[in-house]
Amino acid sequence: MSEVAAERVGSFRVLLTVQVKPGLEAEFEKVWAEGSKEVTSQSANLGHSLARSAREESVYYVTSDWTDKESFLAFESSPGHVAHREKLHPYRTGGALAMMHLVGVA
């Protein structure tokens, strides 16, 4: 295990599944990228990424790693995050949020 990977064990990960309205995928990606700076500027954020499903059309996965759960929860209710979330809302048809603690990284 690399030194960087070892440092991530014990961190907190958020996995958001987002269903996007068909035909609005490119615009969703653009708006997501514009708001990502709000996430990555947080000192407790360890990384943030967007991936498109290889199996399901118009489904995306947002992964965000944090130093701890409390830091994520504080960010989640911050005015900056709420504003970004509101900008993404018109593109979404549904989604799910999973929160987890990293226990192993290879």
PDB file of N, CA and C in Angstrom:
ATOM      1  N   MET A   1       0.850  -1.176   0.000  1.00  0.00           N
ATOM      2  CA  MET A   1       0.000   0.000   0.000  1.00  0.00           C
ATOM      3  C   MET A   1       0.893   1.235   0.000  1.00  0.00           C
ATOM      4  N   SER A   2       0.558   2.199  -0.846  1.00  0.00           N
ATOM      5  CA  SER A   2       1.334   3.427  -0.908  1.00  0.00           C
ATOM      6  C   SER A   2       1.098   4.266   0.344  1.00  0.00           C
ATOM      7  N   GLU A   3       1.988   5.210   0.561  1.00  0.00           N
ATOM      8  CA  GLU A   3       1.860   6.093   1.725  1.00  0.00           C
ATOM      9  C   GLU A   3       0.578   6.925   1.634  1.00  0.00           C
ATOM     10  N   VAL A   4       0.258   7.404   0.436  1.00  0.00           N
ATOM     11  CA  VAL A   4      -0.964   8.186   0.239  1.00  0.00           C
ATOM     12  C   VAL A   4      -2.191   7.324   0.520  1.00  0.00           C
ATOM     13  N   ALA A   5      -2.200   6.092   0.007  1.00  0.00           N
ATOM     14  CA  ALA A   5      -3.339   5.194   0.242  1.00  0.00           C
ATOM     15  C   ALA A   5      -3.490   4.909   1.725  1.00  0.00           C
ATOM     16  N   ALA A   6      -2.402   4.684   2.421  1.00  0.00           N
ATOM     17  CA  ALA A   6      -2.463   4.396   3.855  1.00  0.00           C
ATOM     18  C   ALA A   6      -3.073   5.554   4.623  1.00  0.00           C
ATOM     19  N   GLU A   7      -2.788   6.781   4.177  1.00  0.00           N
ATOM     20  CA  GLU A   7      -3.339   7.955   4.855  1.00  0.00           C
ATOM     21  C   GLU A   7      -4.855   8.054   4.685  1.00  0.00           C
ATOM     22  N   ARG A   8      -5.409   7.450   3.653  1.00  0.00           N
ATOM     23  CA  ARG A   8      -6.854   7.525   3.398  1.00  0.00           C
ATOM     24  C   ARG A   8      -7.647   6.550   4.252  1.00  0.00           C
ATOM     25  N   VAL A   9      -7.027   5.470   4.733  1.00  0.00           N
ATOM     26  CA  VAL A   9      -7.742   4.527   5.591  1.00  0.00           C
ATOM     27  C   VAL A   9      -8.223   5.288   6.822  1.00  0.00           C
ATOM     28  N   GLY A  10      -9.491   5.110   7.145  1.00  0.00           N
ATOM     29  CA  GLY A  10     -10.078   5.827   8.273  1.00  0.00           C
ATOM     30  C   GLY A  10     -10.784   7.107   7.862  1.00  0.00           C
ATOM     31  N   SER A  11     -10.619   7.494   6.593  1.00  0.00           N
ATOM     32  CA  SER A  11     -11.316   8.697   6.131  1.00  0.00           C
ATOM     33  C   SER A  11     -12.773   8.362   5.839  1.00  0.00           C
ATOM     34  N   PHE A  12     -13.513   9.361   5.457  1.00  0.00           N
ATOM     35  CA  PHE A  12     -14.949   9.233   5.255  1.00  0.00           C
ATOM     36  C   PHE A  12     -15.263   9.458   3.781  1.00  0.00           C
ATOM     37  N   ARG A  13     -16.013   8.557   3.171  1.00  0.00           N
ATOM     38  CA  ARG A  13     -16.350   8.649   1.751  1.00  0.00           C
ATOM     39  C   ARG A  13     -17.852   8.793   1.567  1.00  0.00           C
ATOM     40  N   VAL A  14     -18.201   9.647   0.618  1.00  0.00           N
ATOM     41  CA  VAL A  14     -19.588   9.844   0.229  1.00  0.00           C
ATOM     42  C   VAL A  14     -19.715   9.396  -1.222  1.00  0.00           C
ATOM     43  N   LEU A  15     -20.729   8.582  -1.494  1.00  0.00           N
ATOM     44  CA  LEU A  15     -21.005   8.138  -2.858  1.00  0.00           C
ATOM     45  C   LEU A  15     -22.434   8.538  -3.200  1.00  0.00           C
ATOM     46  N   LEU A  16     -22.560   9.436  -4.148  1.00  0.00           N
ATOM     47  CA  LEU A  16     -23.869   9.925  -4.568  1.00  0.00           C
ATOM     48  C   LEU A  16     -24.167   9.359  -5.953  1.00  0.00           C
ATOM     49  N   THR A  17     -25.270   8.657  -6.081  1.00  0.00           N
ATOM     50  CA  THR A  17     -25.746   8.191  -7.379  1.00  0.00           C
ATOM     51  C   THR A  17     -26.767   9.203  -7.867  1.00  0.00           C
ATOM     52  N   VAL A  18     -26.577   9.688  -9.095  1.00  0.00           N
ATOM     53  CA  VAL A  18     -27.439  10.728  -9.638  1.00  0.00           C
ATOM     54  C   VAL A  18     -28.046  10.248 -10.955  1.00  0.00           C
ATOM     55  N   GLN A  19     -29.353  10.280 -11.035  1.00  0.00           N
ATOM     56  CA  GLN A  19     -30.050   9.995 -12.288  1.00  0.00           C
ATOM     57  C   GLN A  19     -30.353  11.334 -12.943  1.00  0.00           C
ATOM     58  N   VAL A  20     -29.848  11.508 -14.163  1.00  0.00           N
ATOM     59  CA  VAL A  20     -29.975  12.776 -14.885  1.00  0.00           C
ATOM     60  C   VAL A  20     -31.047  12.636 -15.971  1.00  0.00           C
ATOM     61  N   LYS A  21     -31.765  13.706 -16.198  1.00  0.00           N
ATOM     62  CA  LYS A  21     -32.781  13.710 -17.252  1.00  0.00           C
ATOM     63  C   LYS A  21     -32.110  13.454 -18.596  1.00  0.00           C
ATOM     64  N   PRO A  22     -32.623  12.503 -19.362  1.00  0.00           N
ATOM     65  CA  PRO A  22     -32.034  12.196 -20.676  1.00  0.00           C
ATOM     66  C   PRO A  22     -31.926  13.444 -21.552  1.00  0.00           C
ATOM     67  N   GLY A  23     -30.785  13.582 -22.197  1.00  0.00           N
ATOM     68  CA  GLY A  23     -30.530  14.723 -23.060  1.00  0.00           C
ATOM     69  C   GLY A  23     -29.856  15.891 -22.361  1.00  0.00           C
ATOM     70  N   LEU A  24     -29.784  15.846 -21.018  1.00  0.00           N
ATOM     71  CA  LEU A  24     -29.183  16.951 -20.267  1.00  0.00           C
ATOM     72  C   LEU A  24     -27.825  16.575 -19.653  1.00  0.00           C
ATOM     73  N   GLU A  25     -27.270  15.454 -20.087  1.00  0.00           N
ATOM     74  CA  GLU A  25     -26.029  14.961 -19.485  1.00  0.00           C
ATOM     75  C   GLU A  25     -24.868  15.950 -19.625  1.00  0.00           C
ATOM     76  N   ALA A  26     -24.655  16.495 -20.819  1.00  0.00           N
ATOM     77  CA  ALA A  26     -23.529  17.413 -21.034  1.00  0.00           C
ATOM     78  C   ALA A  26     -23.663  18.664 -20.169  1.00  0.00           C
ATOM     79  N   GLU A  27     -24.857  19.189 -20.083  1.00  0.00           N
ATOM     80  CA  GLU A  27     -25.082  20.382 -19.260  1.00  0.00           C
ATOM     81  C   GLU A  27     -24.886  20.058 -17.776  1.00  0.00           C
ATOM     82  N   PHE A  28     -25.354  18.893 -17.341  1.00  0.00           N
ATOM     83  CA  PHE A  28     -25.148  18.465 -15.956  1.00  0.00           C
ATOM     84  C   PHE A  28     -23.658  18.396 -15.644  1.00  0.00           C
ATOM     85  N   GLU A  29     -22.876  17.789 -16.534  1.00  0.00           N
ATOM     86  CA  GLU A  29     -21.432  17.675 -16.316  1.00  0.00           C
ATOM     87  C   GLU A  29     -20.783  19.056 -16.206  1.00  0.00           C
ATOM     88  N   LYS A  30     -21.209  19.983 -17.043  1.00  0.00           N
ATOM     89  CA  LYS A  30     -20.658  21.340 -17.021  1.00  0.00           C
ATOM     90  C   LYS A  30     -20.969  22.041 -15.696  1.00  0.00           C
ATOM     91  N   VAL A  31     -22.217  21.982 -15.266  1.00  0.00           N
ATOM     92  CA  VAL A  31     -22.619  22.642 -14.024  1.00  0.00           C
ATOM     93  C   VAL A  31     -21.937  21.976 -12.829  1.00  0.00           C
ATOM     94  N   TRP A  32     -21.810  20.648 -12.860  1.00  0.00           N
ATOM     95  CA  TRP A  32     -21.108  19.935 -11.785  1.00  0.00           C
ATOM     96  C   TRP A  32     -19.662  20.421 -11.689  1.00  0.00           C
ATOM     97  N   ALA A  33     -18.985  20.501 -12.840  1.00  0.00           N
ATOM     98  CA  ALA A  33     -17.577  20.927 -12.846  1.00  0.00           C
ATOM     99  C   ALA A  33     -17.423  22.351 -12.316  1.00  0.00           C
ATOM    100  N   GLU A  34     -18.341  23.226 -12.695  1.00  0.00           N
ATOM    101  CA  GLU A  34     -18.278  24.612 -12.219  1.00  0.00           C
ATOM    102  C   GLU A  34     -18.399  24.694 -10.702  1.00  0.00           C
ATOM    103  N   GLY A  35     -19.198  23.833 -10.100  1.00  0.00           N
ATOM    104  CA  GLY A  35     -19.399  23.869  -8.653  1.00  0.00           C
ATOM    105  C   GLY A  35     -18.414  23.050  -7.856  1.00  0.00           C
ATOM    106  N   SER A  36     -17.590  22.264  -8.533  1.00  0.00           N
ATOM    107  CA  SER A  36     -16.647  21.393  -7.823  1.00  0.00           C
ATOM    108  C   SER A  36     -15.628  22.151  -7.000  1.00  0.00           C
ATOM    109  N   LYS A  37     -15.311  23.358  -7.414  1.00  0.00           N
ATOM    110  CA  LYS A  37     -14.341  24.167  -6.670  1.00  0.00           C
ATOM    111  C   LYS A  37     -14.815  24.427  -5.248  1.00  0.00           C
ATOM    112  N   GLU A  38     -16.127  24.508  -5.086  1.00  0.00           N
ATOM    113  CA  GLU A  38     -16.697  24.713  -3.747  1.00  0.00           C
ATOM    114  C   GLU A  38     -16.348  23.525  -2.841  1.00  0.00           C
ATOM    115  N   VAL A  39     -16.318  22.335  -3.406  1.00  0.00           N
ATOM    116  CA  VAL A  39     -15.999  21.128  -2.637  1.00  0.00           C
ATOM    117  C   VAL A  39     -14.498  21.036  -2.393  1.00  0.00           C
ATOM    118  N   THR A  40     -13.719  21.114  -3.468  1.00  0.00           N
ATOM    119  CA  THR A  40     -12.282  20.900  -3.350  1.00  0.00           C
ATOM    120  C   THR A  40     -11.559  22.020  -2.602  1.00  0.00           C
ATOM    121  N   SER A  41     -12.206  23.164  -2.424  1.00  0.00           N
ATOM    122  CA  SER A  41     -11.586  24.246  -1.659  1.00  0.00           C
ATOM    123  C   SER A  41     -11.673  24.011  -0.148  1.00  0.00           C
ATOM    124  N   GLN A  42     -12.452  23.032   0.261  1.00  0.00           N
ATOM    125  CA  GLN A  42     -12.597  22.734   1.688  1.00  0.00           C
ATOM    126  C   GLN A  42     -11.354  21.997   2.185  1.00  0.00           C
ATOM    127  N   SER A  43     -10.777  22.432   3.271  1.00  0.00           N
ATOM    128  CA  SER A  43      -9.548  21.811   3.772  1.00  0.00           C
ATOM    129  C   SER A  43      -9.750  20.353   4.173  1.00  0.00           C
ATOM    130  N   ALA A  44     -10.954  19.975   4.543  1.00  0.00           N
ATOM    131  CA  ALA A  44     -11.229  18.594   4.951  1.00  0.00           C
ATOM    132  C   ALA A  44     -11.537  17.674   3.773  1.00  0.00           C
ATOM    133  N   ASN A  45     -11.646  18.230   2.563  1.00  0.00           N
ATOM    134  CA  ASN A  45     -11.930  17.402   1.393  1.00  0.00           C
ATOM    135  C   ASN A  45     -10.635  16.814   0.849  1.00  0.00           C
ATOM    136  N   LEU A  46     -10.625  15.497   0.654  1.00  0.00           N
ATOM    137  CA  LEU A  46      -9.443  14.789   0.175  1.00  0.00           C
ATOM    138  C   LEU A  46      -9.506  14.477  -1.318  1.00  0.00           C
ATOM    139  N   GLY A  47     -10.643  14.702  -1.931  1.00  0.00           N
ATOM    140  CA  GLY A  47     -10.795  14.417  -3.359  1.00  0.00           C
ATOM    141  C   GLY A  47     -12.262  14.336  -3.729  1.00  0.00           C
ATOM    142  N   HIS A  48     -12.528  14.584  -5.008  1.00  0.00           N
ATOM    143  CA  HIS A  48     -13.911  14.706  -5.471  1.00  0.00           C
ATOM    144  C   HIS A  48     -13.920  14.319  -6.940  1.00  0.00           C
ATOM    145  N   SER A  49     -14.811  13.412  -7.360  1.00  0.00           N
ATOM    146  CA  SER A  49     -14.823  13.000  -8.758  1.00  0.00           C
ATOM    147  C   SER A  49     -16.238  12.708  -9.248  1.00  0.00           C
ATOM    148  N   LEU A  50     -16.395  12.769 -10.570  1.00  0.00           N
ATOM    149  CA  LEU A  50     -17.654  12.466 -11.242  1.00  0.00           C
ATOM    150  C   LEU A  50     -17.381  11.368 -12.257  1.00  0.00           C
ATOM    151  N   ALA A  51     -18.220  10.338 -12.264  1.00  0.00           N
ATOM    152  CA  ALA A  51     -18.095   9.245 -13.233  1.00  0.00           C
ATOM    153  C   ALA A  51     -19.466   8.947 -13.833  1.00  0.00           C
ATOM    154  N   ARG A  52     -19.464   8.563 -15.100  1.00  0.00           N
ATOM    155  CA  ARG A  52     -20.710   8.182 -15.777  1.00  0.00           C
ATOM    156  C   ARG A  52     -20.786   6.660 -15.810  1.00  0.00           C
ATOM    157  N   SER A  53     -21.961   6.124 -15.534  1.00  0.00           N
ATOM    158  CA  SER A  53     -22.167   4.676 -15.539  1.00  0.00           C
ATOM    159  C   SER A  53     -21.885   4.096 -16.920  1.00  0.00           C
ATOM    160  N   ALA A  54     -21.227   2.963 -16.943  1.00  0.00           N
ATOM    161  CA  ALA A  54     -20.967   2.251 -18.193  1.00  0.00           C
ATOM    162  C   ALA A  54     -22.141   1.349 -18.566  1.00  0.00           C
ATOM    163  N   ARG A  55     -23.079   1.181 -17.659  1.00  0.00           N
ATOM    164  CA  ARG A  55     -24.202   0.264 -17.887  1.00  0.00           C
ATOM    165  C   ARG A  55     -25.560   0.941 -17.953  1.00  0.00           C
ATOM    166  N   GLU A  56     -25.716   2.036 -17.229  1.00  0.00           N
ATOM    167  CA  GLU A  56     -27.018   2.693 -17.160  1.00  0.00           C
ATOM    168  C   GLU A  56     -26.931   4.083 -17.783  1.00  0.00           C
ATOM    169  N   GLU A  57     -27.818   4.331 -18.743  1.00  0.00           N
ATOM    170  CA  GLU A  57     -27.842   5.622 -19.390  1.00  0.00           C
ATOM    171  C   GLU A  57     -28.260   6.711 -18.408  1.00  0.00           C
ATOM    172  N   SER A  58     -27.621   7.836 -18.498  1.00  0.00           N
ATOM    173  CA  SER A  58     -27.966   9.018 -17.699  1.00  0.00           C
ATOM    174  C   SER A  58     -27.776   8.829 -16.199  1.00  0.00           C
ATOM    175  N   VAL A  59     -26.909   7.897 -15.791  1.00  0.00           N
ATOM    176  CA  VAL A  59     -26.609   7.691 -14.373  1.00  0.00           C
ATOM    177  C   VAL A  59     -25.157   8.077 -14.123  1.00  0.00           C
ATOM    178  N   TYR A  60     -24.962   8.853 -13.071  1.00  0.00           N
ATOM    179  CA  TYR A  60     -23.630   9.328 -12.684  1.00  0.00           C
ATOM    180  C   TYR A  60     -23.355   8.953 -11.233  1.00  0.00           C
ATOM    181  N   TYR A  61     -22.057   8.924 -10.901  1.00  0.00           N
ATOM    182  CA  TYR A  61     -21.618   8.665  -9.536  1.00  0.00           C
ATOM    183  C   TYR A  61     -20.657   9.784  -9.126  1.00  0.00           C
ATOM    184  N   VAL A  62     -20.963  10.407  -8.018  1.00  0.00           N
ATOM    185  CA  VAL A  62     -20.084  11.418  -7.441  1.00  0.00           C
ATOM    186  C   VAL A  62     -19.445  10.794  -6.211  1.00  0.00           C
ATOM    187  N   THR A  63     -18.124  10.776  -6.182  1.00  0.00           N
ATOM    188  CA  THR A  63     -17.385  10.267  -5.035  1.00  0.00           C
ATOM    189  C   THR A  63     -16.632  11.429  -4.406  1.00  0.00           C
ATOM    190  N   SER A  64     -16.742  11.535  -3.096  1.00  0.00           N
ATOM    191  CA  SER A  64     -16.088  12.619  -2.381  1.00  0.00           C
ATOM    192  C   SER A  64     -15.508  12.062  -1.084  1.00  0.00           C
ATOM    193  N   ASP A  65     -14.207  12.252  -0.895  1.00  0.00           N
ATOM    194  CA  ASP A  65     -13.539  11.768   0.310  1.00  0.00           C
ATOM    195  C   ASP A  65     -13.250  12.931   1.250  1.00  0.00           C
ATOM    196  N   TRP A  66     -13.453  12.667   2.539  1.00  0.00           N
ATOM    197  CA  TRP A  66     -13.314  13.681   3.574  1.00  0.00           C
ATOM    198  C   TRP A  66     -12.468  13.147   4.718  1.00  0.00           C
ATOM    199  N   THR A  67     -11.890  14.056   5.484  1.00  0.00           N
ATOM    200  CA  THR A  67     -11.084  13.623   6.626  1.00  0.00           C
ATOM    201  C   THR A  67     -11.941  12.916   7.668  1.00  0.00           C
ATOM    202  N   ASP A  68     -13.205  13.338   7.790  1.00  0.00           N
ATOM    203  CA  ASP A  68     -14.095  12.717   8.777  1.00  0.00           C
ATOM    204  C   ASP A  68     -15.553  13.047   8.444  1.00  0.00           C
ATOM    205  N   LYS A  69     -16.452  12.319   9.058  1.00  0.00           N
ATOM    206  CA  LYS A  69     -17.891  12.480   8.819  1.00  0.00           C
ATOM    207  C   LYS A  69     -18.376  13.862   9.225  1.00  0.00           C
ATOM    208  N   GLU A  70     -17.925  14.345  10.346  1.00  0.00           N
ATOM    209  CA  GLU A  70     -18.375  15.641  10.860  1.00  0.00           C
ATOM    210  C   GLU A  70     -18.056  16.774   9.876  1.00  0.00           C
ATOM    211  N   SER A  71     -16.880  16.714   9.265  1.00  0.00           N
ATOM    212  CA  SER A  71     -16.505  17.752   8.292  1.00  0.00           C
ATOM    213  C   SER A  71     -17.412  17.707   7.075  1.00  0.00           C
ATOM    214  N   PHE A  72     -17.714  16.494   6.602  1.00  0.00           N
ATOM    215  CA  PHE A  72     -18.638  16.390   5.471  1.00  0.00           C
ATOM    216  C   PHE A  72     -20.018  16.943   5.834  1.00  0.00           C
ATOM    217  N   LEU A  73     -20.536  16.547   6.979  1.00  0.00           N
ATOM    218  CA  LEU A  73     -21.873  16.989   7.374  1.00  0.00           C
ATOM    219  C   LEU A  73     -21.937  18.511   7.530  1.00  0.00           C
ATOM    220  N   ALA A  74     -20.870  19.101   8.039  1.00  0.00           N
ATOM    221  CA  ALA A  74     -20.830  20.560   8.160  1.00  0.00           C
ATOM    222  C   ALA A  74     -20.847  21.207   6.771  1.00  0.00           C
ATOM    223  N   PHE A  75     -20.082  20.642   5.849  1.00  0.00           N
ATOM    224  CA  PHE A  75     -20.064  21.163   4.488  1.00  0.00           C
ATOM    225  C   PHE A  75     -21.417  20.978   3.807  1.00  0.00           C
ATOM    226  N   GLU A  76     -22.036  19.838   4.012  1.00  0.00           N
ATOM    227  CA  GLU A  76     -23.301  19.512   3.349  1.00  0.00           C
ATOM    228  C   GLU A  76     -24.388  20.552   3.627  1.00  0.00           C
ATOM    229  N   SER A  77     -24.351  21.141   4.795  1.00  0.00           N
ATOM    230  CA  SER A  77     -25.373  22.136   5.147  1.00  0.00           C
ATOM    231  C   SER A  77     -24.898  23.576   4.953  1.00  0.00           C
ATOM    232  N   SER A  78     -23.706  23.749   4.403  1.00  0.00           N
ATOM    233  CA  SER A  78     -23.170  25.098   4.207  1.00  0.00           C
ATOM    234  C   SER A  78     -23.889  25.808   3.053  1.00  0.00           C
ATOM    235  N   PRO A  79     -23.963  27.125   3.104  1.00  0.00           N
ATOM    236  CA  PRO A  79     -24.635  27.882   2.040  1.00  0.00           C
ATOM    237  C   PRO A  79     -24.050  27.618   0.650  1.00  0.00           C
ATOM    238  N   GLY A  80     -22.736  27.467   0.556  1.00  0.00           N
ATOM    239  CA  GLY A  80     -22.102  27.211  -0.744  1.00  0.00           C
ATOM    240  C   GLY A  80     -22.534  25.888  -1.341  1.00  0.00           C
ATOM    241  N   HIS A  81     -22.588  24.864  -0.515  1.00  0.00           N
ATOM    242  CA  HIS A  81     -23.005  23.553  -1.011  1.00  0.00           C
ATOM    243  C   HIS A  81     -24.486  23.551  -1.370  1.00  0.00           C
ATOM    244  N   VAL A  82     -25.289  24.165  -0.549  1.00  0.00           N
ATOM    245  CA  VAL A  82     -26.730  24.224  -0.825  1.00  0.00           C
ATOM    246  C   VAL A  82     -26.973  24.944  -2.156  1.00  0.00           C
ATOM    247  N   ALA A  83     -26.250  26.017  -2.423  1.00  0.00           N
ATOM    248  CA  ALA A  83     -26.404  26.752  -3.681  1.00  0.00           C
ATOM    249  C   ALA A  83     -26.013  25.893  -4.874  1.00  0.00           C
ATOM    250  N   HIS A  84     -24.905  25.161  -4.745  1.00  0.00           N
ATOM    251  CA  HIS A  84     -24.459  24.275  -5.831  1.00  0.00           C
ATOM    252  C   HIS A  84     -25.475  23.159  -6.069  1.00  0.00           C
ATOM    253  N   ARG A  85     -25.970  22.587  -4.995  1.00  0.00           N
ATOM    254  CA  ARG A  85     -26.968  21.519  -5.101  1.00  0.00           C
ATOM    255  C   ARG A  85     -28.228  22.025  -5.808  1.00  0.00           C
ATOM    256  N   GLU A  86     -28.633  23.250  -5.514  1.00  0.00           N
ATOM    257  CA  GLU A  86     -29.817  23.837  -6.157  1.00  0.00           C
ATOM    258  C   GLU A  86     -29.593  24.035  -7.656  1.00  0.00           C
ATOM    259  N   LYS A  87     -28.363  24.367  -8.064  1.00  0.00           N
ATOM    260  CA  LYS A  87     -28.057  24.524  -9.487  1.00  0.00           C
ATOM    261  C   LYS A  87     -28.149  23.190 -10.227  1.00  0.00           C
ATOM    262  N   LEU A  88     -27.841  22.091  -9.545  1.00  0.00           N
ATOM    263  CA  LEU A  88     -27.880  20.767 -10.169  1.00  0.00           C
ATOM    264  C   LEU A  88     -29.280  20.162 -10.183  1.00  0.00           C
ATOM    265  N   HIS A  89     -30.130  20.632  -9.316  1.00  0.00           N
ATOM    266  CA  HIS A  89     -31.463  20.039  -9.157  1.00  0.00           C
ATOM    267  C   HIS A  89     -32.277  19.949 -10.458  1.00  0.00           C
ATOM    268  N   PRO A  90     -32.275  20.949 -11.319  1.00  0.00           N
ATOM    269  CA  PRO A  90     -33.086  20.867 -12.543  1.00  0.00           C
ATOM    270  C   PRO A  90     -32.690  19.725 -13.489  1.00  0.00           C
ATOM    271  N   TYR A  91     -31.480  19.192 -13.334  1.00  0.00           N
ATOM    272  CA  TYR A  91     -30.990  18.128 -14.214  1.00  0.00           C
ATOM    273  C   TYR A  91     -31.298  16.734 -13.677  1.00  0.00           C
ATOM    274  N   ARG A  92     -31.668  16.655 -12.427  1.00  0.00           N
ATOM    275  CA  ARG A  92     -31.822  15.361 -11.756  1.00  0.00           C
ATOM    276  C   ARG A  92     -33.252  14.831 -11.809  1.00  0.00           C
ATOM    277  N   THR A  93     -33.347  13.509 -11.914  1.00  0.00           N
ATOM    278  CA  THR A  93     -34.654  12.856 -11.787  1.00  0.00           C
ATOM    279  C   THR A  93     -34.698  11.980 -10.540  1.00  0.00           C
ATOM    280  N   GLY A  94     -33.558  11.765  -9.915  1.00  0.00           N
ATOM    281  CA  GLY A  94     -33.503  10.951  -8.716  1.00  0.00           C
ATOM    282  C   GLY A  94     -32.066  10.695  -8.320  1.00  0.00           C
ATOM    283  N   GLY A  95     -31.917   9.944  -7.251  1.00  0.00           N
ATOM    284  CA  GLY A  95     -30.574   9.623  -6.797  1.00  0.00           C
ATOM    285  C   GLY A  95     -30.590   8.977  -5.428  1.00  0.00           C
ATOM    286  N   ALA A  96     -29.397   8.643  -4.969  1.00  0.00           N
ATOM    287  CA  ALA A  96     -29.243   8.022  -3.654  1.00  0.00           C
ATOM    288  C   ALA A  96     -27.891   8.436  -3.082  1.00  0.00           C
ATOM    289  N   LEU A  97     -27.830   8.542  -1.768  1.00  0.00           N
ATOM    290  CA  LEU A  97     -26.604   8.933  -1.076  1.00  0.00           C
ATOM    291  C   LEU A  97     -26.174   7.808  -0.152  1.00  0.00           C
ATOM    292  N   ALA A  98     -24.900   7.419  -0.261  1.00  0.00           N
ATOM    293  CA  ALA A  98     -24.320   6.428   0.648  1.00  0.00           C
ATOM    294  C   ALA A  98     -23.118   7.066   1.335  1.00  0.00           C
ATOM    295  N   MET A  99     -22.981   6.821   2.635  1.00  0.00           N
ATOM    296  CA  MET A  99     -21.853   7.335   3.409  1.00  0.00           C
ATOM    297  C   MET A  99     -21.127   6.154   4.016  1.00  0.00           C
ATOM    298  N   MET A 100     -19.791   6.224   4.033  1.00  0.00           N
ATOM    299  CA  MET A 100     -19.011   5.082   4.515  1.00  0.00           C
ATOM    300  C   MET A 100     -17.650   5.522   5.061  1.00  0.00           C
ATOM    301  N   HIS A 101     -17.072   4.656   5.885  1.00  0.00           N
ATOM    302  CA  HIS A 101     -15.715   4.848   6.405  1.00  0.00           C
ATOM    303  C   HIS A 101     -14.793   3.903   5.636  1.00  0.00           C
ATOM    304  N   LEU A 102     -13.685   4.420   5.134  1.00  0.00           N
ATOM    305  CA  LEU A 102     -12.735   3.574   4.418  1.00  0.00           C
ATOM    306  C   LEU A 102     -11.973   2.710   5.422  1.00  0.00           C
ATOM    307  N   VAL A 103     -11.980   1.423   5.184  1.00  0.00           N
ATOM    308  CA  VAL A 103     -11.298   0.502   6.090  1.00  0.00           C
ATOM    309  C   VAL A 103     -10.109  -0.189   5.418  1.00  0.00           C
ATOM    310  N   GLY A 104      -9.980  -0.043   4.109  1.00  0.00           N
ATOM    311  CA  GLY A 104      -8.856  -0.643   3.403  1.00  0.00           C
ATOM    312  C   GLY A 104      -8.662   0.019   2.060  1.00  0.00           C
ATOM    313  N   VAL A 105      -7.407   0.236   1.692  1.00  0.00           N
ATOM    314  CA  VAL A 105      -7.063   0.812   0.394  1.00  0.00           C
ATOM    315  C   VAL A 105      -5.859   0.047  -0.121  1.00  0.00           C
ATOM    316  N   ALA A 106      -5.940  -0.443  -1.340  1.00  0.00           N
ATOM    317  CA  ALA A 106      -4.815  -1.210  -1.911  1.00  0.00           C
ATOM    318  C   ALA A 106      -3.967  -0.325  -2.790  1.00  0.00           C
TER     319      ALA A 106
END
